[in-house]
Amino acid sequence: MVRFSIDVIGQALVAALDGDLDLHTCPQLKDALERTLEGHPHVKHLVLDVKDLTFIDSSGLGVILGRYRAVQARGGKLFFVKANPHIQRVLRLSGMHRIAGFVDSTKEALERV
């Protein structure tokens, strides 16, 4: 199960994820992120606080990649906040380090956008 909260701060959509992001939990996160992006056309950046994320599979990576493409089309950036070693390894193996920044705090991500 994944729990999440979504906030819009300036031009950034900030989502805090908690739990497992997998095939069964991805649809609800994807829908919430898409609704937020559609409702806030000024939002350019995606900041994912993954410090409490315990698991991510290819479905979760796909949701993130799809939302990255949406913010990239708006001229924005993707940031991961406080990825634990396991999650960071999965993200790096999937090539996310080439398209996203890894930061220690949401504040740092917001300063870099």
N, C-alpha and C. Protein backbone atom coordinates (compact mmCIF):
# COMPACT_ATOMS: atom_id res chain seq x y z
N MET A 1 0.84 -1.18 0.00
CA MET A 1 0.00 0.00 0.00
C MET A 1 0.88 1.24 0.00
N VAL A 2 0.50 2.24 -0.78
CA VAL A 2 1.22 3.50 -0.78
C VAL A 2 0.27 4.58 -0.26
N ARG A 3 0.81 5.40 0.59
CA ARG A 3 0.09 6.59 1.05
C ARG A 3 0.86 7.77 0.51
N PHE A 4 0.13 8.84 0.21
CA PHE A 4 0.82 10.00 -0.35
C PHE A 4 0.07 11.26 -0.01
N SER A 5 0.81 12.35 -0.01
CA SER A 5 0.21 13.67 0.11
C SER A 5 0.78 14.50 -1.03
N ILE A 6 -0.04 15.39 -1.54
CA ILE A 6 0.36 16.22 -2.67
C ILE A 6 0.09 17.68 -2.33
N ASP A 7 1.09 18.51 -2.55
CA ASP A 7 0.97 19.95 -2.35
C ASP A 7 1.51 20.65 -3.58
N VAL A 8 0.99 21.82 -3.85
CA VAL A 8 1.54 22.68 -4.88
C VAL A 8 2.20 23.84 -4.17
N ILE A 9 3.50 24.00 -4.38
CA ILE A 9 4.28 25.08 -3.77
C ILE A 9 4.92 25.86 -4.90
N GLY A 10 4.39 27.05 -5.14
CA GLY A 10 4.89 27.85 -6.26
C GLY A 10 4.67 27.12 -7.56
N GLN A 11 5.75 26.88 -8.29
CA GLN A 11 5.67 26.18 -9.58
C GLN A 11 6.00 24.70 -9.45
N ALA A 12 5.95 24.17 -8.23
CA ALA A 12 6.32 22.77 -8.01
C ALA A 12 5.16 21.96 -7.42
N LEU A 13 5.00 20.76 -7.95
CA LEU A 13 4.12 19.78 -7.35
C LEU A 13 5.01 18.95 -6.44
N VAL A 14 4.69 18.93 -5.16
CA VAL A 14 5.48 18.19 -4.18
C VAL A 14 4.63 17.04 -3.66
N ALA A 15 5.12 15.82 -3.87
CA ALA A 15 4.40 14.63 -3.42
C ALA A 15 5.29 13.84 -2.45
N ALA A 16 4.75 13.56 -1.28
CA ALA A 16 5.44 12.73 -0.29
C ALA A 16 4.85 11.33 -0.37
N LEU A 17 5.70 10.33 -0.60
CA LEU A 17 5.26 8.95 -0.77
C LEU A 17 5.67 8.11 0.43
N ASP A 18 4.79 7.21 0.85
CA ASP A 18 5.04 6.38 2.02
C ASP A 18 4.52 4.98 1.72
N GLY A 19 5.38 3.97 1.82
CA GLY A 19 4.96 2.59 1.61
C GLY A 19 5.50 2.01 0.33
N ASP A 20 4.71 1.12 -0.29
CA ASP A 20 5.11 0.40 -1.49
C ASP A 20 4.43 0.99 -2.72
N LEU A 21 5.23 1.33 -3.72
CA LEU A 21 4.70 1.82 -4.99
C LEU A 21 4.85 0.70 -6.01
N ASP A 22 3.74 -0.02 -6.26
CA ASP A 22 3.80 -1.18 -7.14
C ASP A 22 2.58 -1.22 -8.05
N LEU A 23 2.44 -2.30 -8.76
CA LEU A 23 1.37 -2.46 -9.74
C LEU A 23 0.00 -2.17 -9.15
N HIS A 24 -0.21 -2.55 -7.91
CA HIS A 24 -1.53 -2.41 -7.29
C HIS A 24 -1.79 -1.00 -6.78
N THR A 25 -0.75 -0.27 -6.45
CA THR A 25 -0.94 1.05 -5.84
C THR A 25 -0.68 2.21 -6.80
N CYS A 26 -0.09 1.92 -7.94
CA CYS A 26 0.26 2.98 -8.90
C CYS A 26 -0.93 3.75 -9.46
N PRO A 27 -2.04 3.10 -9.79
CA PRO A 27 -3.13 3.84 -10.42
C PRO A 27 -3.63 5.03 -9.58
N GLN A 28 -3.75 4.85 -8.28
CA GLN A 28 -4.25 5.96 -7.46
C GLN A 28 -3.26 7.12 -7.41
N LEU A 29 -1.97 6.83 -7.36
CA LEU A 29 -0.97 7.90 -7.38
C LEU A 29 -0.96 8.59 -8.74
N LYS A 30 -0.98 7.81 -9.79
CA LYS A 30 -0.97 8.37 -11.15
C LYS A 30 -2.16 9.31 -11.34
N ASP A 31 -3.34 8.86 -10.94
CA ASP A 31 -4.54 9.69 -11.10
C ASP A 31 -4.43 10.98 -10.31
N ALA A 32 -3.95 10.90 -9.08
CA ALA A 32 -3.84 12.10 -8.24
C ALA A 32 -2.82 13.09 -8.81
N LEU A 33 -1.69 12.58 -9.29
CA LEU A 33 -0.69 13.46 -9.89
C LEU A 33 -1.21 14.10 -11.17
N GLU A 34 -1.88 13.31 -12.00
CA GLU A 34 -2.42 13.86 -13.25
C GLU A 34 -3.48 14.92 -12.99
N ARG A 35 -4.38 14.67 -12.03
CA ARG A 35 -5.41 15.65 -11.70
C ARG A 35 -4.79 16.95 -11.20
N THR A 36 -3.76 16.82 -10.39
CA THR A 36 -3.10 18.01 -9.85
C THR A 36 -2.42 18.78 -10.97
N LEU A 37 -1.71 18.09 -11.85
CA LEU A 37 -1.05 18.77 -12.97
C LEU A 37 -2.07 19.45 -13.88
N GLU A 38 -3.16 18.76 -14.17
CA GLU A 38 -4.20 19.35 -15.02
C GLU A 38 -4.83 20.58 -14.38
N GLY A 39 -5.00 20.54 -13.08
CA GLY A 39 -5.64 21.64 -12.36
C GLY A 39 -4.73 22.81 -12.08
N HIS A 40 -3.44 22.64 -12.30
CA HIS A 40 -2.45 23.69 -12.02
C HIS A 40 -1.51 23.84 -13.21
N PRO A 41 -1.97 24.49 -14.27
CA PRO A 41 -1.15 24.61 -15.48
C PRO A 41 0.15 25.38 -15.28
N HIS A 42 0.26 26.13 -14.18
CA HIS A 42 1.50 26.88 -13.91
C HIS A 42 2.59 26.00 -13.31
N VAL A 43 2.23 24.80 -12.86
CA VAL A 43 3.21 23.90 -12.24
C VAL A 43 4.15 23.36 -13.30
N LYS A 44 5.45 23.50 -13.04
CA LYS A 44 6.48 23.06 -13.98
C LYS A 44 7.33 21.92 -13.45
N HIS A 45 7.45 21.81 -12.13
CA HIS A 45 8.43 20.89 -11.54
C HIS A 45 7.73 19.83 -10.69
N LEU A 46 8.38 18.67 -10.59
CA LEU A 46 7.88 17.57 -9.78
C LEU A 46 8.94 17.21 -8.74
N VAL A 47 8.55 17.30 -7.48
CA VAL A 47 9.44 16.97 -6.37
C VAL A 47 8.81 15.78 -5.63
N LEU A 48 9.51 14.66 -5.63
CA LEU A 48 9.01 13.45 -4.98
C LEU A 48 9.82 13.18 -3.72
N ASP A 49 9.16 13.31 -2.57
CA ASP A 49 9.80 13.00 -1.29
C ASP A 49 9.62 11.50 -1.07
N VAL A 50 10.71 10.77 -1.22
CA VAL A 50 10.65 9.31 -1.17
C VAL A 50 11.32 8.74 0.08
N LYS A 51 11.52 9.58 1.10
CA LYS A 51 12.22 9.10 2.29
C LYS A 51 11.48 7.96 2.98
N ASP A 52 10.14 7.91 2.86
CA ASP A 52 9.36 6.85 3.50
C ASP A 52 8.88 5.79 2.51
N LEU A 53 9.38 5.86 1.28
CA LEU A 53 9.04 4.83 0.29
C LEU A 53 9.87 3.59 0.58
N THR A 54 9.21 2.44 0.70
CA THR A 54 9.92 1.21 1.06
C THR A 54 10.16 0.27 -0.11
N PHE A 55 9.38 0.45 -1.19
CA PHE A 55 9.52 -0.45 -2.34
C PHE A 55 9.01 0.27 -3.58
N ILE A 56 9.65 0.00 -4.71
CA ILE A 56 9.17 0.51 -6.00
C ILE A 56 9.48 -0.53 -7.06
N ASP A 57 8.50 -0.79 -7.93
CA ASP A 57 8.73 -1.73 -9.02
C ASP A 57 8.64 -0.99 -10.35
N SER A 58 8.66 -1.74 -11.44
CA SER A 58 8.66 -1.11 -12.76
C SER A 58 7.40 -0.29 -13.01
N SER A 59 6.30 -0.68 -12.42
CA SER A 59 5.06 0.10 -12.57
C SER A 59 5.22 1.47 -11.93
N GLY A 60 5.82 1.50 -10.76
CA GLY A 60 6.07 2.77 -10.08
C GLY A 60 7.03 3.64 -10.87
N LEU A 61 8.06 3.02 -11.42
CA LEU A 61 9.00 3.76 -12.26
C LEU A 61 8.29 4.34 -13.48
N GLY A 62 7.37 3.57 -14.04
CA GLY A 62 6.62 4.04 -15.19
C GLY A 62 5.75 5.24 -14.88
N VAL A 63 5.11 5.24 -13.71
CA VAL A 63 4.29 6.38 -13.29
C VAL A 63 5.18 7.62 -13.15
N ILE A 64 6.33 7.46 -12.53
CA ILE A 64 7.24 8.58 -12.34
C ILE A 64 7.74 9.09 -13.69
N LEU A 65 8.12 8.19 -14.56
CA LEU A 65 8.62 8.59 -15.88
C LEU A 65 7.56 9.33 -16.68
N GLY A 66 6.33 8.86 -16.61
CA GLY A 66 5.24 9.53 -17.32
C GLY A 66 5.01 10.95 -16.81
N ARG A 67 5.05 11.14 -15.50
CA ARG A 67 4.87 12.48 -14.93
C ARG A 67 6.09 13.35 -15.21
N TYR A 68 7.28 12.73 -15.27
CA TYR A 68 8.48 13.48 -15.65
C TYR A 68 8.31 14.06 -17.05
N ARG A 69 7.81 13.25 -17.95
CA ARG A 69 7.60 13.73 -19.33
C ARG A 69 6.62 14.90 -19.36
N ALA A 70 5.61 14.85 -18.51
CA ALA A 70 4.62 15.93 -18.46
C ALA A 70 5.27 17.23 -17.97
N VAL A 71 6.10 17.15 -16.92
CA VAL A 71 6.73 18.39 -16.43
C VAL A 71 7.86 18.83 -17.35
N GLN A 72 8.53 17.89 -17.98
CA GLN A 72 9.57 18.25 -18.94
C GLN A 72 8.98 19.04 -20.11
N ALA A 73 7.80 18.63 -20.54
CA ALA A 73 7.12 19.34 -21.63
C ALA A 73 6.77 20.78 -21.23
N ARG A 74 6.67 21.02 -19.93
CA ARG A 74 6.40 22.36 -19.42
C ARG A 74 7.69 23.12 -19.10
N GLY A 75 8.82 22.49 -19.40
CA GLY A 75 10.12 23.12 -19.12
C GLY A 75 10.60 22.89 -17.70
N GLY A 76 10.06 21.87 -17.04
CA GLY A 76 10.37 21.64 -15.63
C GLY A 76 11.39 20.54 -15.37
N LYS A 77 11.61 20.31 -14.08
CA LYS A 77 12.59 19.33 -13.62
C LYS A 77 11.95 18.36 -12.64
N LEU A 78 12.63 17.23 -12.43
CA LEU A 78 12.22 16.20 -11.49
C LEU A 78 13.28 16.08 -10.40
N PHE A 79 12.84 16.00 -9.15
CA PHE A 79 13.75 15.81 -8.02
C PHE A 79 13.23 14.71 -7.11
N PHE A 80 14.17 13.91 -6.58
CA PHE A 80 13.87 12.92 -5.55
C PHE A 80 14.48 13.42 -4.25
N VAL A 81 13.69 13.41 -3.19
CA VAL A 81 14.14 13.88 -1.89
C VAL A 81 14.38 12.69 -0.97
N LYS A 82 15.58 12.63 -0.41
CA LYS A 82 15.96 11.66 0.64
C LYS A 82 15.68 10.20 0.28
N ALA A 83 16.11 9.78 -0.89
CA ALA A 83 15.94 8.37 -1.26
C ALA A 83 16.84 7.51 -0.38
N ASN A 84 16.25 6.50 0.26
CA ASN A 84 17.07 5.59 1.07
C ASN A 84 17.95 4.77 0.13
N PRO A 85 18.97 4.09 0.65
CA PRO A 85 19.90 3.37 -0.24
C PRO A 85 19.23 2.39 -1.19
N HIS A 86 18.23 1.65 -0.73
CA HIS A 86 17.55 0.68 -1.60
C HIS A 86 16.81 1.38 -2.74
N ILE A 87 16.02 2.39 -2.41
CA ILE A 87 15.25 3.11 -3.42
C ILE A 87 16.20 3.84 -4.37
N GLN A 88 17.24 4.44 -3.82
CA GLN A 88 18.21 5.14 -4.65
C GLN A 88 18.86 4.18 -5.65
N ARG A 89 19.16 2.99 -5.21
CA ARG A 89 19.77 1.99 -6.10
C ARG A 89 18.83 1.64 -7.25
N VAL A 90 17.55 1.41 -6.93
CA VAL A 90 16.57 1.08 -7.97
C VAL A 90 16.44 2.24 -8.95
N LEU A 91 16.37 3.46 -8.42
CA LEU A 91 16.23 4.64 -9.28
C LEU A 91 17.46 4.81 -10.18
N ARG A 92 18.64 4.59 -9.62
CA ARG A 92 19.86 4.72 -10.42
C ARG A 92 19.97 3.62 -11.47
N LEU A 93 19.64 2.39 -11.10
CA LEU A 93 19.69 1.28 -12.06
C LEU A 93 18.72 1.51 -13.22
N SER A 94 17.63 2.20 -12.95
CA SER A 94 16.65 2.47 -14.00
C SER A 94 17.02 3.70 -14.84
N GLY A 95 18.11 4.36 -14.47
CA GLY A 95 18.57 5.52 -15.24
C GLY A 95 17.97 6.85 -14.81
N MET A 96 17.22 6.85 -13.71
CA MET A 96 16.59 8.09 -13.25
C MET A 96 17.61 9.18 -12.90
N HIS A 97 18.82 8.77 -12.52
CA HIS A 97 19.84 9.77 -12.16
C HIS A 97 20.24 10.64 -13.35
N ARG A 98 19.94 10.17 -14.56
CA ARG A 98 20.26 10.97 -15.75
C ARG A 98 19.23 12.07 -16.02
N ILE A 99 18.03 11.90 -15.48
CA ILE A 99 16.97 12.87 -15.76
C ILE A 99 16.50 13.63 -14.52
N ALA A 100 16.96 13.21 -13.35
CA ALA A 100 16.45 13.80 -12.11
C ALA A 100 17.59 14.20 -11.18
N GLY A 101 17.27 15.11 -10.29
CA GLY A 101 18.20 15.48 -9.24
C GLY A 101 17.87 14.71 -7.96
N PHE A 102 18.89 14.42 -7.18
CA PHE A 102 18.72 13.77 -5.88
C PHE A 102 19.15 14.77 -4.82
N VAL A 103 18.23 15.13 -3.92
CA VAL A 103 18.50 16.17 -2.93
C VAL A 103 18.15 15.66 -1.54
N ASP A 104 18.60 16.43 -0.53
CA ASP A 104 18.40 16.03 0.85
C ASP A 104 17.15 16.61 1.50
N SER A 105 16.52 17.58 0.84
CA SER A 105 15.31 18.18 1.44
C SER A 105 14.43 18.78 0.35
N THR A 106 13.16 18.90 0.68
CA THR A 106 12.24 19.55 -0.24
C THR A 106 12.66 21.00 -0.44
N LYS A 107 13.13 21.64 0.62
CA LYS A 107 13.58 23.02 0.53
C LYS A 107 14.71 23.15 -0.51
N GLU A 108 15.65 22.21 -0.47
CA GLU A 108 16.76 22.23 -1.44
C GLU A 108 16.23 22.09 -2.86
N ALA A 109 15.27 21.19 -3.07
CA ALA A 109 14.70 21.02 -4.41
C ALA A 109 14.02 22.29 -4.87
N LEU A 110 13.25 22.93 -3.99
CA LEU A 110 12.55 24.16 -4.36
C LEU A 110 13.52 25.29 -4.65
N GLU A 111 14.65 25.31 -3.96
CA GLU A 111 15.67 26.33 -4.24
C GLU A 111 16.32 26.11 -5.60
N ARG A 112 16.39 24.86 -6.04
CA ARG A 112 17.07 24.55 -7.30
C ARG A 112 16.16 24.71 -8.52
N VAL A 113 14.88 24.94 -8.31
CA VAL A 113 13.99 25.14 -9.45
C VAL A 113 13.84 26.62 -9.66
